[in-house]
């Protein structure tokens, strides 16, 4: 069986390769794949703003020459470190 005959998936327990001996998904063998460490692991957060608040924050970011995500991240970190 060649590499193209397997399927790689990401599960909550890690990255696995499914190499079925048959076409039956239930009887397939899942083999963990070693993965290199992830550098600079990041989390992405979605935050809802009322329109007026969003405009206020976006204007402040522009005024200081920063992108919106950078502005929000820096403000959140400042507040958390107080």
C-alpha atoms as a PDB file:
ATOM      1  CA  UNK A   1       0.000   0.000   0.000  1.00  0.00           C
ATOM      2  CA  UNK A   2       1.434   3.417  -0.932  1.00  0.00           C
ATOM      3  CA  UNK A   3       1.257   6.727   0.963  1.00  0.00           C
ATOM      4  CA  UNK A   4      -1.565   7.833  -1.336  1.00  0.00           C
ATOM      5  CA  UNK A   5      -3.674   4.902  -0.117  1.00  0.00           C
ATOM      6  CA  UNK A   6      -3.929   6.343   3.390  1.00  0.00           C
ATOM      7  CA  UNK A   7      -5.745   9.308   4.852  1.00  0.00           C
ATOM      8  CA  UNK A   8      -4.262  11.721   7.405  1.00  0.00           C
ATOM      9  CA  UNK A   9      -6.651  13.282   9.898  1.00  0.00           C
ATOM     10  CA  UNK A  10      -6.400  15.571  12.892  1.00  0.00           C
ATOM     11  CA  UNK A  11      -8.263  14.359  15.965  1.00  0.00           C
ATOM     12  CA  UNK A  12      -8.357  15.832  19.456  1.00  0.00           C
ATOM     13  CA  UNK A  13      -5.786  13.235  20.544  1.00  0.00           C
ATOM     14  CA  UNK A  14      -3.292  14.181  17.795  1.00  0.00           C
ATOM     15  CA  UNK A  15      -2.606  13.605  14.124  1.00  0.00           C
ATOM     16  CA  UNK A  16      -3.339  10.114  12.831  1.00  0.00           C
ATOM     17  CA  UNK A  17      -2.994   8.211   9.592  1.00  0.00           C
ATOM     18  CA  UNK A  18      -5.758   5.831   8.617  1.00  0.00           C
ATOM     19  CA  UNK A  19      -4.471   2.919   6.597  1.00  0.00           C
ATOM     20  CA  UNK A  20      -7.428   0.684   5.920  1.00  0.00           C
ATOM     21  CA  UNK A  21      -6.880  -2.954   5.069  1.00  0.00           C
ATOM     22  CA  UNK A  22     -10.356  -2.880   3.570  1.00  0.00           C
ATOM     23  CA  UNK A  23     -12.779  -0.128   2.634  1.00  0.00           C
ATOM     24  CA  UNK A  24     -14.561  -0.556   5.964  1.00  0.00           C
ATOM     25  CA  UNK A  25     -14.045   2.593   8.018  1.00  0.00           C
ATOM     26  CA  UNK A  26     -15.089   0.904  11.254  1.00  0.00           C
ATOM     27  CA  UNK A  27     -12.347  -1.751  11.011  1.00  0.00           C
ATOM     28  CA  UNK A  28      -9.595   0.662   9.943  1.00  0.00           C
ATOM     29  CA  UNK A  29      -6.427   1.013  11.988  1.00  0.00           C
ATOM     30  CA  UNK A  30      -5.546   4.518  13.224  1.00  0.00           C
ATOM     31  CA  UNK A  31      -1.804   5.019  13.610  1.00  0.00           C
ATOM     32  CA  UNK A  32      -0.469   8.089  15.485  1.00  0.00           C
ATOM     33  CA  UNK A  33       1.912  10.252  13.451  1.00  0.00           C
ATOM     34  CA  UNK A  34       4.837  11.958  15.152  1.00  0.00           C
ATOM     35  CA  UNK A  35       4.618  15.668  14.544  1.00  0.00           C
ATOM     36  CA  UNK A  36       7.246  18.354  15.017  1.00  0.00           C
ATOM     37  CA  UNK A  37       6.689  20.820  17.863  1.00  0.00           C
ATOM     38  CA  UNK A  38       4.595  23.814  16.898  1.00  0.00           C
ATOM     39  CA  UNK A  39       6.517  27.057  17.268  1.00  0.00           C
ATOM     40  CA  UNK A  40       4.680  30.137  18.474  1.00  0.00           C
ATOM     41  CA  UNK A  41       1.428  28.296  19.102  1.00  0.00           C
ATOM     42  CA  UNK A  42      -1.447  30.791  19.005  1.00  0.00           C
ATOM     43  CA  UNK A  43      -5.106  30.880  19.888  1.00  0.00           C
ATOM     44  CA  UNK A  44      -7.717  32.742  17.904  1.00  0.00           C
ATOM     45  CA  UNK A  45     -10.591  34.416  19.739  1.00  0.00           C
ATOM     46  CA  UNK A  46     -13.754  35.829  18.234  1.00  0.00           C
ATOM     47  CA  UNK A  47     -15.264  38.802  20.043  1.00  0.00           C
ATOM     48  CA  UNK A  48     -18.598  40.431  19.217  1.00  0.00           C
ATOM     49  CA  UNK A  49     -18.851  44.221  19.483  1.00  0.00           C
ATOM     50  CA  UNK A  50     -21.894  46.442  19.133  1.00  0.00           C
ATOM     51  CA  UNK A  51     -21.351  48.500  15.970  1.00  0.00           C
ATOM     52  CA  UNK A  52     -20.656  51.768  17.811  1.00  0.00           C
ATOM     53  CA  UNK A  53     -18.083  50.117  20.100  1.00  0.00           C
ATOM     54  CA  UNK A  54     -16.413  48.468  17.130  1.00  0.00           C
ATOM     55  CA  UNK A  55     -16.083  51.832  15.375  1.00  0.00           C
ATOM     56  CA  UNK A  56     -14.561  53.359  18.526  1.00  0.00           C
ATOM     57  CA  UNK A  57     -11.979  50.582  18.883  1.00  0.00           C
ATOM     58  CA  UNK A  58     -11.152  50.543  15.156  1.00  0.00           C
ATOM     59  CA  UNK A  59     -10.673  54.343  15.152  1.00  0.00           C
ATOM     60  CA  UNK A  60      -8.308  54.111  18.145  1.00  0.00           C
ATOM     61  CA  UNK A  61      -6.261  51.403  16.426  1.00  0.00           C
ATOM     62  CA  UNK A  62      -5.967  53.513  13.253  1.00  0.00           C
ATOM     63  CA  UNK A  63      -5.049  56.606  15.280  1.00  0.00           C
ATOM     64  CA  UNK A  64      -2.112  54.714  16.784  1.00  0.00           C
ATOM     65  CA  UNK A  65      -1.101  53.126  13.478  1.00  0.00           C
ATOM     66  CA  UNK A  66      -1.922  49.580  14.565  1.00  0.00           C
ATOM     67  CA  UNK A  67      -4.050  46.829  13.118  1.00  0.00           C
ATOM     68  CA  UNK A  68      -7.292  46.092  14.902  1.00  0.00           C
ATOM     69  CA  UNK A  69      -6.194  42.632  16.134  1.00  0.00           C
ATOM     70  CA  UNK A  70      -2.908  44.020  17.462  1.00  0.00           C
ATOM     71  CA  UNK A  71      -4.713  46.873  19.216  1.00  0.00           C
ATOM     72  CA  UNK A  72      -7.224  44.553  20.880  1.00  0.00           C
ATOM     73  CA  UNK A  73      -4.537  42.011  21.885  1.00  0.00           C
ATOM     74  CA  UNK A  74      -2.308  44.690  23.432  1.00  0.00           C
ATOM     75  CA  UNK A  75      -5.229  46.269  25.295  1.00  0.00           C
ATOM     76  CA  UNK A  76      -6.344  42.905  26.661  1.00  0.00           C
ATOM     77  CA  UNK A  77      -2.793  42.076  27.807  1.00  0.00           C
ATOM     78  CA  UNK A  78      -2.427  45.471  29.518  1.00  0.00           C
ATOM     79  CA  UNK A  79      -5.710  44.943  31.367  1.00  0.00           C
ATOM     80  CA  UNK A  80      -4.780  41.389  32.356  1.00  0.00           C
ATOM     81  CA  UNK A  81      -1.387  42.442  33.762  1.00  0.00           C
ATOM     82  CA  UNK A  82      -2.800  45.144  36.048  1.00  0.00           C
END
